[in-house]
N, C-alpha and C. Protein backbone atom coordinates (compact mmCIF):
# COMPACT_ATOMS: atom_id res chain seq x y z
N UNK A 1 -43.97 -56.05 -30.86
CA UNK A 1 -44.06 -57.27 -30.08
C UNK A 1 -42.74 -58.03 -30.22
N UNK A 2 -42.26 -58.55 -29.12
CA UNK A 2 -40.99 -59.28 -29.14
C UNK A 2 -41.21 -60.66 -29.75
N UNK A 3 -40.27 -61.12 -30.55
CA UNK A 3 -40.39 -62.47 -31.10
C UNK A 3 -40.36 -63.51 -29.99
N UNK A 4 -40.92 -64.66 -30.25
CA UNK A 4 -40.95 -65.69 -29.22
C UNK A 4 -40.32 -66.97 -29.73
N UNK A 5 -39.84 -67.74 -28.81
CA UNK A 5 -39.26 -69.04 -29.11
C UNK A 5 -39.80 -70.02 -28.11
N UNK A 6 -40.63 -70.96 -28.57
CA UNK A 6 -41.27 -71.95 -27.71
C UNK A 6 -42.01 -71.31 -26.53
N UNK A 7 -42.67 -70.22 -26.80
CA UNK A 7 -43.49 -69.58 -25.78
C UNK A 7 -42.74 -68.58 -24.92
N UNK A 8 -41.40 -68.46 -25.06
CA UNK A 8 -40.63 -67.51 -24.27
C UNK A 8 -40.31 -66.29 -25.12
N UNK A 9 -40.39 -65.12 -24.54
CA UNK A 9 -40.06 -63.90 -25.26
C UNK A 9 -38.55 -63.85 -25.49
N UNK A 10 -38.17 -63.43 -26.65
CA UNK A 10 -36.75 -63.32 -27.01
C UNK A 10 -36.44 -61.85 -27.21
N UNK A 11 -35.42 -61.35 -26.53
CA UNK A 11 -35.04 -59.95 -26.67
C UNK A 11 -34.18 -59.78 -27.92
N UNK A 12 -34.49 -58.77 -28.69
CA UNK A 12 -33.73 -58.50 -29.91
C UNK A 12 -32.62 -57.52 -29.57
N UNK A 13 -31.40 -58.04 -29.40
CA UNK A 13 -30.27 -57.20 -29.01
C UNK A 13 -29.80 -56.29 -30.15
N UNK A 14 -30.29 -56.49 -31.37
CA UNK A 14 -29.89 -55.62 -32.47
C UNK A 14 -30.44 -54.22 -32.30
N UNK A 15 -31.52 -54.07 -31.54
CA UNK A 15 -32.13 -52.76 -31.32
C UNK A 15 -31.35 -51.95 -30.28
N UNK A 16 -30.60 -52.62 -29.42
CA UNK A 16 -29.86 -51.95 -28.35
C UNK A 16 -28.42 -51.77 -28.82
N UNK A 17 -27.83 -50.58 -28.59
CA UNK A 17 -26.42 -50.42 -28.96
C UNK A 17 -25.55 -51.47 -28.28
N UNK A 18 -24.50 -51.89 -28.97
CA UNK A 18 -23.66 -52.99 -28.49
C UNK A 18 -23.06 -52.70 -27.12
N UNK A 19 -22.57 -51.48 -26.90
CA UNK A 19 -21.94 -51.14 -25.62
C UNK A 19 -22.93 -51.31 -24.47
N UNK A 20 -24.13 -50.81 -24.64
CA UNK A 20 -25.11 -50.91 -23.58
C UNK A 20 -25.53 -52.36 -23.34
N UNK A 21 -25.72 -53.10 -24.39
CA UNK A 21 -26.11 -54.50 -24.25
C UNK A 21 -25.01 -55.30 -23.54
N UNK A 22 -23.78 -54.93 -23.79
CA UNK A 22 -22.67 -55.66 -23.17
C UNK A 22 -22.55 -55.33 -21.68
N UNK A 23 -22.74 -54.05 -21.31
CA UNK A 23 -22.56 -53.63 -19.92
C UNK A 23 -23.82 -53.78 -19.08
N UNK A 24 -24.95 -53.91 -19.69
CA UNK A 24 -26.20 -53.95 -18.93
C UNK A 24 -26.24 -55.10 -17.93
N UNK A 25 -25.87 -56.32 -18.28
CA UNK A 25 -25.94 -57.39 -17.28
C UNK A 25 -24.99 -57.15 -16.10
N UNK A 26 -23.80 -56.63 -16.33
CA UNK A 26 -22.89 -56.39 -15.22
C UNK A 26 -23.39 -55.25 -14.34
N UNK A 27 -24.01 -54.24 -14.95
CA UNK A 27 -24.60 -53.15 -14.16
C UNK A 27 -25.75 -53.66 -13.31
N UNK A 28 -26.56 -54.54 -13.88
CA UNK A 28 -27.66 -55.12 -13.11
C UNK A 28 -27.14 -55.97 -11.96
N UNK A 29 -26.08 -56.74 -12.23
CA UNK A 29 -25.50 -57.56 -11.16
C UNK A 29 -24.92 -56.69 -10.06
N UNK A 30 -24.28 -55.59 -10.43
CA UNK A 30 -23.72 -54.68 -9.42
C UNK A 30 -24.82 -54.04 -8.59
N UNK A 31 -25.91 -53.63 -9.24
CA UNK A 31 -27.04 -53.04 -8.52
C UNK A 31 -27.69 -54.07 -7.61
N UNK A 32 -27.82 -55.30 -8.08
CA UNK A 32 -28.39 -56.36 -7.27
C UNK A 32 -27.52 -56.64 -6.05
N UNK A 33 -26.20 -56.70 -6.25
CA UNK A 33 -25.29 -56.93 -5.13
C UNK A 33 -25.38 -55.80 -4.11
N UNK A 34 -25.48 -54.57 -4.58
CA UNK A 34 -25.61 -53.43 -3.68
C UNK A 34 -26.93 -53.48 -2.91
N UNK A 35 -28.01 -53.82 -3.59
CA UNK A 35 -29.30 -53.95 -2.93
C UNK A 35 -29.30 -55.07 -1.89
N UNK A 36 -28.67 -56.19 -2.22
CA UNK A 36 -28.60 -57.29 -1.26
C UNK A 36 -27.77 -56.92 -0.04
N UNK A 37 -26.68 -56.19 -0.26
CA UNK A 37 -25.87 -55.74 0.86
C UNK A 37 -26.66 -54.78 1.75
N UNK A 38 -27.39 -53.88 1.13
CA UNK A 38 -28.21 -52.94 1.90
C UNK A 38 -29.27 -53.68 2.71
N UNK A 39 -29.90 -54.68 2.12
CA UNK A 39 -30.90 -55.46 2.83
C UNK A 39 -30.30 -56.21 4.01
N UNK A 40 -29.14 -56.82 3.80
CA UNK A 40 -28.48 -57.55 4.88
C UNK A 40 -28.08 -56.61 6.01
N UNK A 41 -27.54 -55.46 5.68
CA UNK A 41 -27.13 -54.52 6.73
C UNK A 41 -28.32 -53.92 7.46
N UNK A 42 -29.42 -53.72 6.76
CA UNK A 42 -30.62 -53.25 7.45
C UNK A 42 -31.15 -54.28 8.43
N UNK A 43 -31.07 -55.54 8.07
CA UNK A 43 -31.57 -56.58 8.98
C UNK A 43 -30.61 -56.80 10.16
N UNK A 44 -29.35 -56.40 10.01
CA UNK A 44 -28.37 -56.52 11.10
C UNK A 44 -28.15 -55.21 11.84
N UNK A 45 -28.98 -54.21 11.59
CA UNK A 45 -28.74 -52.86 12.10
C UNK A 45 -28.62 -52.81 13.63
N UNK A 46 -29.42 -53.53 14.33
CA UNK A 46 -29.41 -53.45 15.79
C UNK A 46 -28.48 -54.47 16.46
N UNK A 47 -27.90 -55.35 15.69
CA UNK A 47 -27.07 -56.40 16.29
C UNK A 47 -25.89 -55.85 17.06
N UNK A 48 -25.26 -54.78 16.58
CA UNK A 48 -24.10 -54.27 17.30
C UNK A 48 -24.49 -53.59 18.60
N UNK A 49 -25.77 -53.34 18.83
CA UNK A 49 -26.23 -52.85 20.14
C UNK A 49 -26.77 -53.99 21.00
N UNK A 50 -27.44 -54.93 20.41
CA UNK A 50 -28.10 -55.99 21.17
C UNK A 50 -27.12 -57.07 21.64
N UNK A 51 -26.13 -57.40 20.82
CA UNK A 51 -25.20 -58.48 21.20
C UNK A 51 -24.47 -58.21 22.52
N UNK A 52 -23.93 -57.01 22.74
CA UNK A 52 -23.29 -56.77 24.05
C UNK A 52 -24.26 -56.84 25.23
N UNK A 53 -25.50 -56.42 25.00
CA UNK A 53 -26.49 -56.50 26.09
C UNK A 53 -26.77 -57.95 26.45
N UNK A 54 -27.01 -58.78 25.45
CA UNK A 54 -27.25 -60.20 25.72
C UNK A 54 -26.01 -60.87 26.31
N UNK A 55 -24.85 -60.45 25.87
CA UNK A 55 -23.61 -61.01 26.42
C UNK A 55 -23.48 -60.67 27.90
N UNK A 56 -23.82 -59.43 28.27
CA UNK A 56 -23.77 -59.04 29.68
C UNK A 56 -24.76 -59.86 30.51
N UNK A 57 -25.94 -60.10 29.95
CA UNK A 57 -26.93 -60.91 30.67
C UNK A 57 -26.41 -62.33 30.86
N UNK A 58 -25.82 -62.90 29.83
CA UNK A 58 -25.27 -64.26 29.94
C UNK A 58 -24.13 -64.29 30.96
N UNK A 59 -23.32 -63.25 30.97
CA UNK A 59 -22.23 -63.19 31.97
C UNK A 59 -22.79 -63.17 33.38
N UNK A 60 -23.86 -62.42 33.61
CA UNK A 60 -24.48 -62.38 34.94
C UNK A 60 -25.07 -63.75 35.32
N UNK A 61 -25.59 -64.46 34.34
CA UNK A 61 -26.17 -65.77 34.62
C UNK A 61 -25.09 -66.80 34.98
N UNK A 62 -23.92 -66.72 34.35
CA UNK A 62 -22.89 -67.75 34.53
C UNK A 62 -21.81 -67.37 35.54
N UNK A 63 -21.97 -66.25 36.23
CA UNK A 63 -20.93 -65.80 37.15
C UNK A 63 -20.72 -66.78 38.31
N UNK A 64 -21.72 -67.57 38.64
CA UNK A 64 -21.58 -68.57 39.71
C UNK A 64 -20.64 -69.71 39.33
N UNK A 65 -20.64 -70.09 38.08
CA UNK A 65 -19.94 -71.30 37.65
C UNK A 65 -18.63 -71.03 36.92
N UNK A 66 -18.51 -69.86 36.33
CA UNK A 66 -17.31 -69.54 35.54
C UNK A 66 -16.61 -68.37 36.20
N UNK A 67 -15.29 -68.44 36.25
CA UNK A 67 -14.53 -67.37 36.91
C UNK A 67 -14.78 -66.04 36.21
N UNK A 68 -14.92 -64.97 36.99
CA UNK A 68 -15.28 -63.66 36.43
C UNK A 68 -14.29 -63.14 35.38
N UNK A 69 -13.00 -63.41 35.56
CA UNK A 69 -12.03 -62.90 34.57
C UNK A 69 -12.26 -63.51 33.19
N UNK A 70 -12.61 -64.77 33.15
CA UNK A 70 -12.91 -65.42 31.87
C UNK A 70 -14.16 -64.81 31.23
N UNK A 71 -15.16 -64.48 32.04
CA UNK A 71 -16.36 -63.84 31.52
C UNK A 71 -16.07 -62.44 31.00
N UNK A 72 -15.20 -61.71 31.70
CA UNK A 72 -14.82 -60.37 31.24
C UNK A 72 -14.11 -60.45 29.90
N UNK A 73 -13.22 -61.42 29.77
CA UNK A 73 -12.51 -61.58 28.50
C UNK A 73 -13.49 -61.95 27.38
N UNK A 74 -14.42 -62.84 27.68
CA UNK A 74 -15.42 -63.23 26.68
C UNK A 74 -16.30 -62.04 26.29
N UNK A 75 -16.71 -61.25 27.30
CA UNK A 75 -17.52 -60.07 27.02
C UNK A 75 -16.77 -59.09 26.13
N UNK A 76 -15.50 -58.86 26.45
CA UNK A 76 -14.68 -57.94 25.64
C UNK A 76 -14.53 -58.46 24.21
N UNK A 77 -14.36 -59.77 24.06
CA UNK A 77 -14.22 -60.34 22.72
C UNK A 77 -15.50 -60.15 21.90
N UNK A 78 -16.64 -60.33 22.53
CA UNK A 78 -17.91 -60.15 21.81
C UNK A 78 -18.10 -58.69 21.43
N UNK A 79 -17.80 -57.80 22.36
CA UNK A 79 -17.96 -56.37 22.07
C UNK A 79 -17.01 -55.95 20.94
N UNK A 80 -15.77 -56.40 20.99
CA UNK A 80 -14.82 -56.06 19.93
C UNK A 80 -15.21 -56.67 18.58
N UNK A 81 -15.85 -57.82 18.61
CA UNK A 81 -16.26 -58.44 17.34
C UNK A 81 -17.44 -57.72 16.70
N UNK A 82 -18.17 -56.92 17.46
CA UNK A 82 -19.29 -56.17 16.88
C UNK A 82 -18.85 -54.83 16.30
N UNK A 83 -17.64 -54.39 16.61
CA UNK A 83 -17.16 -53.10 16.11
C UNK A 83 -17.12 -53.05 14.57
N UNK A 84 -16.56 -54.06 13.88
CA UNK A 84 -16.58 -53.98 12.41
C UNK A 84 -17.99 -53.89 11.82
N UNK A 85 -18.93 -54.62 12.39
CA UNK A 85 -20.31 -54.55 11.92
C UNK A 85 -20.87 -53.15 12.11
N UNK A 86 -20.59 -52.54 13.26
CA UNK A 86 -21.08 -51.19 13.52
C UNK A 86 -20.47 -50.19 12.55
N UNK A 87 -19.18 -50.31 12.29
CA UNK A 87 -18.51 -49.38 11.38
C UNK A 87 -19.07 -49.52 9.96
N UNK A 88 -19.20 -50.74 9.49
CA UNK A 88 -19.72 -50.95 8.12
C UNK A 88 -21.17 -50.48 8.02
N UNK A 89 -21.97 -50.74 9.03
CA UNK A 89 -23.37 -50.30 9.00
C UNK A 89 -23.46 -48.78 8.94
N UNK A 90 -22.66 -48.11 9.74
CA UNK A 90 -22.69 -46.63 9.74
C UNK A 90 -22.21 -46.07 8.40
N UNK A 91 -21.14 -46.63 7.88
CA UNK A 91 -20.62 -46.14 6.61
C UNK A 91 -21.62 -46.36 5.48
N UNK A 92 -22.30 -47.48 5.49
CA UNK A 92 -23.24 -47.80 4.42
C UNK A 92 -24.50 -46.93 4.54
N UNK A 93 -24.92 -46.61 5.78
CA UNK A 93 -26.09 -45.77 5.95
C UNK A 93 -25.85 -44.34 5.48
N UNK A 94 -24.63 -43.86 5.59
CA UNK A 94 -24.31 -42.50 5.18
C UNK A 94 -24.28 -42.34 3.67
N UNK A 95 -24.12 -43.41 2.95
CA UNK A 95 -24.04 -43.32 1.49
C UNK A 95 -25.39 -43.34 0.86
């Protein structure tokens, strides 16, 4: 049974080798960061496909009021801004 201090369990680090006790928190933080990144990329998985579609729809809606060349430039900017997300998502899924 682990010793307690004011009702909280206290881990006895003397039982764990020093090297492992020292590296364990950083390993846990690295695993947590990797898991959080995976979760974020999974939730953004379809964004690089959906954003250009919605952008095209918005361009069709505003073609009456905004000059077409400006809409084309805006559409290209949105599509180009989704490329890094697509590349990172693909690379992360392969690992």
